[in-house]
Amino acid sequence: MPEGDTVFRTARNLHRAFAGRQLTASDLRLPQLATTDLTGAMVVESVSRGKHLLLRLQLPADGRAMSLHSHLGMDGSWRVYAVGERWRARSRHLIRVVLRTADAVAVGYELQQVMLVATEDEKHLTAHLGPDLLGADWDPAEAVRRLSRRTGTIADALRDQRNLAGIGNVYCAELLFLRGLWPWTPVPQVTDLSALVTLAKRLLEANRTRPMRTTTGVMRRGQDSYVYGRAGAPCRRCGTLIRRDDQGERVTYWCPHCQPEP
């Protein structure tokens, strides 16, 4: 599931393969961009902002600075291939964007949102975001301040990108387990928001360059999380069965013993 670390790593991979290179072809398979041709555009850089990915371009005709914005949502991904390499990641009918240079191909699968905007207008897409856990704007005091203004549950507050950018269902569940917090604890009852924010930063930093995300420190599938994705399995600490709650796209996992209701 794409979260801040995934988008950061994706942006870095795209930057390495495309920055400073000219697009030789583009295929935008979305109704609103179906007639857009980015051939000849120079790729300036690729950056992430929370869960948003921005590929900044300079158009060949007039030198305008434009940004191809994408949001990975729940299932989206970008893959970079060498020219001539077989596209292995997913079925072709899931492809939304294809960008080519002389020596690389970037393929965007199941992207939730794709927009082409003037680079100076990026702020309209990201201005609402809180401090980015993996960004240059990271400010733990501001993240704590924003969280402390909330009155709802701590799980909802952590996943609200207006408070701090980069946390989704996975990190939310793992953070709350590690801090021993019941997911539905009202934010005003959380005694140490600063420790929670510090741990969030540490976890995302540790995973931003790893090929596989882990919150347990174990790089083996099935042992890489404490509670996320483990409903019905025994808690790694106490043996109590992990529980799961679904609310649309928001999925919560927790241990009733290690994270007791206040």
C-alpha atoms as a PDB file:
ATOM      1  CA  MET A   1       0.000   0.000   0.000  1.00  0.00           C
ATOM      2  CA  PRO A   2       1.570   3.332  -1.043  1.00  0.00           C
ATOM      3  CA  GLU A   3       2.334   5.619   1.889  1.00  0.00           C
ATOM      4  CA  GLY A   4       4.833   8.430   2.322  1.00  0.00           C
ATOM      5  CA  ASP A   5       7.878   6.167   2.163  1.00  0.00           C
ATOM      6  CA  THR A   6       6.649   4.481  -1.035  1.00  0.00           C
ATOM      7  CA  VAL A   7       5.991   7.779  -2.788  1.00  0.00           C
ATOM      8  CA  PHE A   8       9.365   9.157  -1.658  1.00  0.00           C
ATOM      9  CA  ARG A   9      11.160   6.097  -3.071  1.00  0.00           C
ATOM     10  CA  THR A  10       9.123   6.247  -6.289  1.00  0.00           C
ATOM     11  CA  ALA A  11       9.987   9.909  -6.820  1.00  0.00           C
ATOM     12  CA  ARG A  12      13.658   9.161  -6.230  1.00  0.00           C
ATOM     13  CA  ASN A  13      13.643   6.302  -8.756  1.00  0.00           C
ATOM     14  CA  LEU A  14      11.935   8.451 -11.393  1.00  0.00           C
ATOM     15  CA  HIS A  15      14.384  11.279 -10.744  1.00  0.00           C
ATOM     16  CA  ARG A  16      17.382   9.017 -11.195  1.00  0.00           C
ATOM     17  CA  ALA A  17      16.081   7.629 -14.469  1.00  0.00           C
ATOM     18  CA  PHE A  18      14.546  10.764 -16.015  1.00  0.00           C
ATOM     19  CA  ALA A  19      15.973  14.011 -14.582  1.00  0.00           C
ATOM     20  CA  GLY A  20      17.892  15.967 -17.212  1.00  0.00           C
ATOM     21  CA  ARG A  21      16.526  13.821 -20.050  1.00  0.00           C
ATOM     22  CA  GLN A  22      14.116  14.625 -22.834  1.00  0.00           C
ATOM     23  CA  LEU A  23      10.881  12.712 -23.323  1.00  0.00           C
ATOM     24  CA  THR A  24      10.821  10.940 -26.672  1.00  0.00           C
ATOM     25  CA  ALA A  25       7.173   9.861 -26.326  1.00  0.00           C
ATOM     26  CA  SER A  26       4.244  10.044 -23.943  1.00  0.00           C
ATOM     27  CA  ASP A  27       0.953   8.199 -23.639  1.00  0.00           C
ATOM     28  CA  LEU A  28      -1.565   9.612 -21.137  1.00  0.00           C
ATOM     29  CA  ARG A  29      -4.466   7.165 -20.987  1.00  0.00           C
ATOM     30  CA  LEU A  30      -6.954   9.383 -19.213  1.00  0.00           C
ATOM     31  CA  PRO A  31      -9.914  11.189 -20.792  1.00  0.00           C
ATOM     32  CA  GLN A  32      -8.866  14.645 -19.588  1.00  0.00           C
ATOM     33  CA  LEU A  33      -5.312  14.216 -20.925  1.00  0.00           C
ATOM     34  CA  ALA A  34      -5.909  11.950 -23.915  1.00  0.00           C
ATOM     35  CA  THR A  35      -4.834  14.589 -26.456  1.00  0.00           C
ATOM     36  CA  THR A  36      -1.853  15.842 -24.458  1.00  0.00           C
ATOM     37  CA  ASP A  37       1.557  15.103 -25.963  1.00  0.00           C
ATOM     38  CA  LEU A  38       4.631  15.686 -23.785  1.00  0.00           C
ATOM     39  CA  THR A  39       7.126  14.579 -26.430  1.00  0.00           C
ATOM     40  CA  GLY A  40      10.192  16.818 -26.379  1.00  0.00           C
ATOM     41  CA  ALA A  41       9.653  18.012 -22.805  1.00  0.00           C
ATOM     42  CA  MET A  42      12.724  18.096 -20.589  1.00  0.00           C
ATOM     43  CA  VAL A  43      12.370  16.397 -17.219  1.00  0.00           C
ATOM     44  CA  VAL A  44      13.644  18.797 -14.562  1.00  0.00           C
ATOM     45  CA  GLU A  45      13.087  16.694 -11.443  1.00  0.00           C
ATOM     46  CA  SER A  46      10.787  14.290  -9.653  1.00  0.00           C
ATOM     47  CA  VAL A  47       9.748  15.044  -6.076  1.00  0.00           C
ATOM     48  CA  SER A  48       7.258  13.779  -3.515  1.00  0.00           C
ATOM     49  CA  ARG A  49       5.053  15.732  -1.163  1.00  0.00           C
ATOM     50  CA  GLY A  50       3.381  13.414   1.318  1.00  0.00           C
ATOM     51  CA  LYS A  51       1.453  10.972  -0.883  1.00  0.00           C
ATOM     52  CA  HIS A  52       1.631  13.255  -3.939  1.00  0.00           C
ATOM     53  CA  LEU A  53       4.209  12.776  -6.699  1.00  0.00           C
ATOM     54  CA  LEU A  54       5.284  15.664  -8.928  1.00  0.00           C
ATOM     55  CA  LEU A  55       7.242  15.200 -12.148  1.00  0.00           C
ATOM     56  CA  ARG A  56       8.412  18.670 -13.154  1.00  0.00           C
ATOM     57  CA  LEU A  57       8.881  19.369 -16.853  1.00  0.00           C
ATOM     58  CA  GLN A  58       9.977  22.126 -19.200  1.00  0.00           C
ATOM     59  CA  LEU A  59       7.897  22.142 -22.364  1.00  0.00           C
ATOM     60  CA  PRO A  60       9.756  22.351 -25.679  1.00  0.00           C
ATOM     61  CA  ALA A  61       7.556  24.879 -27.490  1.00  0.00           C
ATOM     62  CA  ASP A  62       7.655  27.805 -25.075  1.00  0.00           C
ATOM     63  CA  GLY A  63       9.800  26.676 -22.138  1.00  0.00           C
ATOM     64  CA  ARG A  64       6.846  26.687 -19.748  1.00  0.00           C
ATOM     65  CA  ALA A  65       7.361  24.896 -16.432  1.00  0.00           C
ATOM     66  CA  MET A  66       4.665  22.233 -16.021  1.00  0.00           C
ATOM     67  CA  SER A  67       4.179  19.461 -13.474  1.00  0.00           C
ATOM     68  CA  LEU A  68       2.647  16.052 -14.040  1.00  0.00           C
ATOM     69  CA  HIS A  69       0.950  15.397 -10.721  1.00  0.00           C
ATOM     70  CA  SER A  70      -0.076  11.901  -9.679  1.00  0.00           C
ATOM     71  CA  HIS A  71      -1.571  10.415  -6.542  1.00  0.00           C
ATOM     72  CA  LEU A  72      -1.039   6.686  -6.066  1.00  0.00           C
ATOM     73  CA  GLY A  73      -4.166   6.166  -3.963  1.00  0.00           C
ATOM     74  CA  MET A  74      -4.575   2.652  -2.552  1.00  0.00           C
ATOM     75  CA  ASP A  75      -3.168   0.598  -5.431  1.00  0.00           C
ATOM     76  CA  GLY A  76      -1.192   2.881  -7.731  1.00  0.00           C
ATOM     77  CA  SER A  77       2.473   2.519  -8.639  1.00  0.00           C
ATOM     78  CA  TRP A  78       5.141   3.740 -11.035  1.00  0.00           C
ATOM     79  CA  ARG A  79       7.651   1.321 -12.532  1.00  0.00           C
ATOM     80  CA  VAL A  80      10.808   2.214 -14.448  1.00  0.00           C
ATOM     81  CA  TYR A  81      12.032  -0.134 -17.185  1.00  0.00           C
ATOM     82  CA  ALA A  82      14.953  -0.076 -19.578  1.00  0.00           C
ATOM     83  CA  VAL A  83      14.045   0.355 -23.239  1.00  0.00           C
ATOM     84  CA  GLY A  84      13.141  -3.059 -24.598  1.00  0.00           C
ATOM     85  CA  GLU A  85      12.629  -4.589 -21.143  1.00  0.00           C
ATOM     86  CA  ARG A  86       9.410  -6.513 -20.608  1.00  0.00           C
ATOM     87  CA  TRP A  87       6.831  -4.717 -18.465  1.00  0.00           C
ATOM     88  CA  ARG A  88       6.252  -7.196 -15.678  1.00  0.00           C
ATOM     89  CA  ALA A  89       4.511  -5.322 -12.865  1.00  0.00           C
ATOM     90  CA  ARG A  90       0.809  -5.481 -13.712  1.00  0.00           C
ATOM     91  CA  SER A  91      -1.731  -6.068 -16.447  1.00  0.00           C
ATOM     92  CA  ARG A  92      -1.591  -3.575 -19.310  1.00  0.00           C
ATOM     93  CA  HIS A  93      -5.237  -2.555 -18.917  1.00  0.00           C
ATOM     94  CA  LEU A  94      -4.281  -0.934 -15.591  1.00  0.00           C
ATOM     95  CA  ILE A  95      -1.769   1.413 -17.238  1.00  0.00           C
ATOM     96  CA  ARG A  96      -2.624   5.111 -16.999  1.00  0.00           C
ATOM     97  CA  VAL A  97       0.600   6.830 -18.097  1.00  0.00           C
ATOM     98  CA  VAL A  98       3.633   5.851 -20.186  1.00  0.00           C
ATOM     99  CA  LEU A  99       6.646   8.179 -20.501  1.00  0.00           C
ATOM    100  CA  ARG A 100       9.719   7.380 -22.599  1.00  0.00           C
ATOM    101  CA  THR A 101      13.237   8.701 -22.968  1.00  0.00           C
ATOM    102  CA  ALA A 102      16.029   7.332 -25.134  1.00  0.00           C
ATOM    103  CA  ASP A 103      17.017   4.787 -22.478  1.00  0.00           C
ATOM    104  CA  ALA A 104      14.127   4.411 -19.995  1.00  0.00           C
ATOM    105  CA  VAL A 105      10.361   3.917 -19.808  1.00  0.00           C
ATOM    106  CA  ALA A 106       8.173   4.931 -16.851  1.00  0.00           C
ATOM    107  CA  VAL A 107       4.801   3.218 -16.533  1.00  0.00           C
ATOM    108  CA  GLY A 108       2.112   4.430 -14.130  1.00  0.00           C
ATOM    109  CA  TYR A 109      -0.341   1.735 -13.039  1.00  0.00           C
ATOM    110  CA  GLU A 110      -3.742   2.370 -11.381  1.00  0.00           C
ATOM    111  CA  LEU A 111      -2.921   5.974 -10.543  1.00  0.00           C
ATOM    112  CA  GLN A 112      -5.815   7.431  -8.574  1.00  0.00           C
ATOM    113  CA  GLN A 113      -5.336  10.934  -9.918  1.00  0.00           C
ATOM    114  CA  VAL A 114      -3.272  12.433 -12.730  1.00  0.00           C
ATOM    115  CA  MET A 115      -3.185  16.131 -13.593  1.00  0.00           C
ATOM    116  CA  LEU A 116      -0.964  18.413 -15.663  1.00  0.00           C
ATOM    117  CA  VAL A 117      -0.604  21.828 -14.036  1.00  0.00           C
ATOM    118  CA  ALA A 118       1.728  24.803 -14.205  1.00  0.00           C
ATOM    119  CA  THR A 119       4.540  24.199 -11.738  1.00  0.00           C
ATOM    120  CA  GLU A 120       3.751  27.482 -10.023  1.00  0.00           C
ATOM    121  CA  ASP A 121       0.235  26.150  -9.368  1.00  0.00           C
ATOM    122  CA  GLU A 122       1.368  23.002  -7.534  1.00  0.00           C
ATOM    123  CA  LYS A 123       0.551  24.789  -4.294  1.00  0.00           C
ATOM    124  CA  HIS A 124      -3.141  24.504  -5.083  1.00  0.00           C
ATOM    125  CA  LEU A 125      -2.768  20.710  -4.950  1.00  0.00           C
ATOM    126  CA  THR A 126      -0.555  20.448  -1.873  1.00  0.00           C
ATOM    127  CA  ALA A 127      -1.071  23.610   0.205  1.00  0.00           C
ATOM    128  CA  HIS A 128      -3.553  21.838   2.485  1.00  0.00           C
ATOM    129  CA  LEU A 129      -0.969  19.239   3.558  1.00  0.00           C
ATOM    130  CA  GLY A 130       0.679  19.279   6.955  1.00  0.00           C
ATOM    131  CA  PRO A 131       4.442  18.941   7.431  1.00  0.00           C
ATOM    132  CA  ASP A 132       5.876  16.180   5.254  1.00  0.00           C
ATOM    133  CA  LEU A 133       7.488  13.441   7.349  1.00  0.00           C
ATOM    134  CA  LEU A 134      10.106  12.907   4.620  1.00  0.00           C
ATOM    135  CA  GLY A 135      10.237  16.439   3.249  1.00  0.00           C
ATOM    136  CA  ALA A 136      12.404  19.489   3.702  1.00  0.00           C
ATOM    137  CA  ASP A 137       9.480  21.226   5.394  1.00  0.00           C
ATOM    138  CA  TRP A 138       9.273  18.699   8.246  1.00  0.00           C
ATOM    139  CA  ASP A 139       8.441  20.490  11.492  1.00  0.00           C
ATOM    140  CA  PRO A 140       7.582  18.200  14.433  1.00  0.00           C
ATOM    141  CA  ALA A 141       6.301  21.070  16.567  1.00  0.00           C
ATOM    142  CA  GLU A 142       3.886  22.104  13.820  1.00  0.00           C
ATOM    143  CA  ALA A 143       2.731  18.497  13.382  1.00  0.00           C
ATOM    144  CA  VAL A 144       2.026  18.235  17.112  1.00  0.00           C
ATOM    145  CA  ARG A 145       0.217  21.582  17.056  1.00  0.00           C
ATOM    146  CA  ARG A 146      -2.032  20.463  14.212  1.00  0.00           C
ATOM    147  CA  LEU A 147      -2.780  17.117  15.830  1.00  0.00           C
ATOM    148  CA  SER A 148      -3.572  18.746  19.166  1.00  0.00           C
ATOM    149  CA  ARG A 149      -6.327  20.829  17.578  1.00  0.00           C
ATOM    150  CA  ARG A 150      -8.287  17.693  16.684  1.00  0.00           C
ATOM    151  CA  THR A 151     -11.054  16.285  18.849  1.00  0.00           C
ATOM    152  CA  GLY A 152     -11.760  13.070  16.950  1.00  0.00           C
ATOM    153  CA  THR A 153      -9.942   9.743  17.218  1.00  0.00           C
ATOM    154  CA  ILE A 154      -6.177   9.506  17.126  1.00  0.00           C
ATOM    155  CA  ALA A 155      -6.333   7.042  14.205  1.00  0.00           C
ATOM    156  CA  ASP A 156      -8.316   9.473  12.069  1.00  0.00           C
ATOM    157  CA  ALA A 157      -6.037  12.363  13.068  1.00  0.00           C
ATOM    158  CA  LEU A 158      -2.897  10.471  12.042  1.00  0.00           C
ATOM    159  CA  ARG A 159      -4.340   9.574   8.643  1.00  0.00           C
ATOM    160  CA  ASP A 160      -5.530  13.125   8.010  1.00  0.00           C
ATOM    161  CA  GLN A 161      -2.878  14.544   5.666  1.00  0.00           C
ATOM    162  CA  ARG A 162      -3.687  18.074   6.875  1.00  0.00           C
ATOM    163  CA  ASN A 163      -1.987  17.253  10.183  1.00  0.00           C
ATOM    164  CA  LEU A 164       1.150  15.522   8.919  1.00  0.00           C
ATOM    165  CA  ALA A 165       1.735  14.145   5.444  1.00  0.00           C
ATOM    166  CA  GLY A 166       2.717  10.574   4.674  1.00  0.00           C
ATOM    167  CA  ILE A 167       0.801   8.296   7.059  1.00  0.00           C
ATOM    168  CA  GLY A 168      -1.785   5.816   5.791  1.00  0.00           C
ATOM    169  CA  ASN A 169      -3.428   2.695   7.169  1.00  0.00           C
ATOM    170  CA  VAL A 170      -0.204   0.716   7.609  1.00  0.00           C
ATOM    171  CA  TYR A 171       1.796   3.245   9.585  1.00  0.00           C
ATOM    172  CA  CYS A 172      -1.265   4.325  11.538  1.00  0.00           C
ATOM    173  CA  ALA A 173      -1.870   0.784  12.805  1.00  0.00           C
ATOM    174  CA  GLU A 174       1.789   0.105  13.559  1.00  0.00           C
ATOM    175  CA  LEU A 175       2.388   3.443  15.307  1.00  0.00           C
ATOM    176  CA  LEU A 176      -0.612   3.045  17.582  1.00  0.00           C
ATOM    177  CA  PHE A 177       0.427  -0.498  18.491  1.00  0.00           C
ATOM    178  CA  LEU A 178       3.972   0.554  19.311  1.00  0.00           C
ATOM    179  CA  ARG A 179       2.663   3.391  21.495  1.00  0.00           C
ATOM    180  CA  GLY A 180       0.007   1.194  23.127  1.00  0.00           C
ATOM    181  CA  LEU A 181      -2.855   3.417  21.997  1.00  0.00           C
ATOM    182  CA  TRP A 182      -6.392   2.229  21.299  1.00  0.00           C
ATOM    183  CA  PRO A 183      -7.157   3.542  17.774  1.00  0.00           C
ATOM    184  CA  TRP A 184     -10.385   5.251  18.881  1.00  0.00           C
ATOM    185  CA  THR A 185      -8.781   7.187  21.713  1.00  0.00           C
ATOM    186  CA  PRO A 186      -9.869  10.843  21.436  1.00  0.00           C
ATOM    187  CA  VAL A 187      -6.883  13.009  20.556  1.00  0.00           C
ATOM    188  CA  PRO A 188      -7.203  15.147  23.730  1.00  0.00           C
ATOM    189  CA  GLN A 189      -6.662  11.970  25.781  1.00  0.00           C
ATOM    190  CA  VAL A 190      -3.332  11.137  24.115  1.00  0.00           C
ATOM    191  CA  THR A 191      -0.744  12.234  26.648  1.00  0.00           C
ATOM    192  CA  ASP A 192       2.374  12.385  24.479  1.00  0.00           C
ATOM    193  CA  LEU A 193       1.706  13.456  20.903  1.00  0.00           C
ATOM    194  CA  SER A 194       5.332  14.485  20.541  1.00  0.00           C
ATOM    195  CA  ALA A 195       6.548  10.910  21.126  1.00  0.00           C
ATOM    196  CA  LEU A 196       4.029   9.641  18.572  1.00  0.00           C
ATOM    197  CA  VAL A 197       5.220  12.142  15.965  1.00  0.00           C
ATOM    198  CA  THR A 198       8.871  11.334  16.680  1.00  0.00           C
ATOM    199  CA  LEU A 199       8.231   7.618  16.202  1.00  0.00           C
ATOM    200  CA  ALA A 200       6.348   8.265  12.951  1.00  0.00           C
ATOM    201  CA  LYS A 201       9.326  10.158  11.584  1.00  0.00           C
ATOM    202  CA  ARG A 202      11.718   7.410  12.651  1.00  0.00           C
ATOM    203  CA  LEU A 203       9.697   4.635  11.008  1.00  0.00           C
ATOM    204  CA  LEU A 204       9.264   6.402   7.680  1.00  0.00           C
ATOM    205  CA  GLU A 205      12.921   7.447   7.615  1.00  0.00           C
ATOM    206  CA  ALA A 206      13.994   3.845   8.220  1.00  0.00           C
ATOM    207  CA  ASN A 207      11.862   2.552   5.341  1.00  0.00           C
ATOM    208  CA  ARG A 208      12.278   5.234   2.709  1.00  0.00           C
ATOM    209  CA  THR A 209      15.125   3.419   0.924  1.00  0.00           C
ATOM    210  CA  ARG A 210      14.201  -0.193   1.720  1.00  0.00           C
ATOM    211  CA  PRO A 211      12.800  -2.422  -1.022  1.00  0.00           C
ATOM    212  CA  MET A 212      10.394  -3.861   1.549  1.00  0.00           C
ATOM    213  CA  ARG A 213       8.678  -1.963   4.360  1.00  0.00           C
ATOM    214  CA  THR A 214       9.124  -3.301   7.892  1.00  0.00           C
ATOM    215  CA  THR A 215       8.129  -1.936  11.286  1.00  0.00           C
ATOM    216  CA  THR A 216       9.401  -4.952  13.217  1.00  0.00           C
ATOM    217  CA  GLY A 217      12.923  -4.781  11.819  1.00  0.00           C
ATOM    218  CA  VAL A 218      12.502  -8.207  10.175  1.00  0.00           C
ATOM    219  CA  MET A 219      12.781  -8.223   6.393  1.00  0.00           C
ATOM    220  CA  ARG A 220      10.790 -11.403   5.814  1.00  0.00           C
ATOM    221  CA  ARG A 221       7.251 -11.279   4.472  1.00  0.00           C
ATOM    222  CA  GLY A 222       4.782 -12.240   7.155  1.00  0.00           C
ATOM    223  CA  GLN A 223       7.094 -10.994   9.890  1.00  0.00           C
ATOM    224  CA  ASP A 224       7.377  -7.360   8.795  1.00  0.00           C
ATOM    225  CA  SER A 225       4.463  -5.916  10.808  1.00  0.00           C
ATOM    226  CA  TYR A 226       3.089  -6.126  14.333  1.00  0.00           C
ATOM    227  CA  VAL A 227      -0.634  -5.793  13.650  1.00  0.00           C
ATOM    228  CA  TYR A 228      -1.292  -4.554  10.108  1.00  0.00           C
ATOM    229  CA  GLY A 229      -2.646  -7.320   7.878  1.00  0.00           C
ATOM    230  CA  ARG A 230      -2.657  -9.815  10.771  1.00  0.00           C
ATOM    231  CA  ALA A 231      -6.329 -10.021  11.779  1.00  0.00           C
ATOM    232  CA  GLY A 232      -6.967 -13.284  13.629  1.00  0.00           C
ATOM    233  CA  ALA A 233      -3.254 -13.937  14.171  1.00  0.00           C
ATOM    234  CA  PRO A 234      -1.707 -13.853  17.656  1.00  0.00           C
ATOM    235  CA  CYS A 235      -0.116 -10.637  18.852  1.00  0.00           C
ATOM    236  CA  ARG A 236       3.660 -10.882  18.705  1.00  0.00           C
ATOM    237  CA  ARG A 237       3.857  -9.527  22.264  1.00  0.00           C
ATOM    238  CA  CYS A 238       1.017 -11.118  24.209  1.00  0.00           C
ATOM    239  CA  GLY A 239      -0.636 -13.731  22.007  1.00  0.00           C
ATOM    240  CA  THR A 240      -4.068 -12.057  21.951  1.00  0.00           C
ATOM    241  CA  LEU A 241      -5.745 -12.319  18.552  1.00  0.00           C
ATOM    242  CA  ILE A 242      -5.353  -9.199  16.415  1.00  0.00           C
ATOM    243  CA  ARG A 243      -8.612  -7.520  15.459  1.00  0.00           C
ATOM    244  CA  ARG A 244      -9.633  -5.567  12.375  1.00  0.00           C
ATOM    245  CA  ASP A 245     -12.192  -2.836  11.705  1.00  0.00           C
ATOM    246  CA  ASP A 246     -13.203  -1.627   8.220  1.00  0.00           C
ATOM    247  CA  GLN A 247     -14.581   1.830   7.466  1.00  0.00           C
ATOM    248  CA  GLY A 248     -14.455   2.210   3.700  1.00  0.00           C
ATOM    249  CA  GLU A 249     -10.818   2.619   2.661  1.00  0.00           C
ATOM    250  CA  ARG A 250      -9.773   3.113   6.273  1.00  0.00           C
ATOM    251  CA  VAL A 251      -8.774  -0.221   7.755  1.00  0.00           C
ATOM    252  CA  THR A 252      -7.695  -0.478  11.378  1.00  0.00           C
ATOM    253  CA  TYR A 253      -5.808  -3.314  13.072  1.00  0.00           C
ATOM    254  CA  TRP A 254      -5.090  -3.482  16.784  1.00  0.00           C
ATOM    255  CA  CYS A 255      -4.368  -5.764  19.733  1.00  0.00           C
ATOM    256  CA  PRO A 256      -7.139  -5.494  22.369  1.00  0.00           C
ATOM    257  CA  HIS A 257      -4.693  -6.358  25.150  1.00  0.00           C
ATOM    258  CA  CYS A 258      -1.703  -4.199  24.199  1.00  0.00           C
ATOM    259  CA  GLN A 259      -3.954  -1.323  23.108  1.00  0.00           C
ATOM    260  CA  PRO A 260      -6.760  -1.336  25.672  1.00  0.00           C
ATOM    261  CA  GLU A 261      -9.747   0.945  25.431  1.00  0.00           C
ATOM    262  CA  PRO A 262      -9.314   3.805  27.940  1.00  0.00           C
END
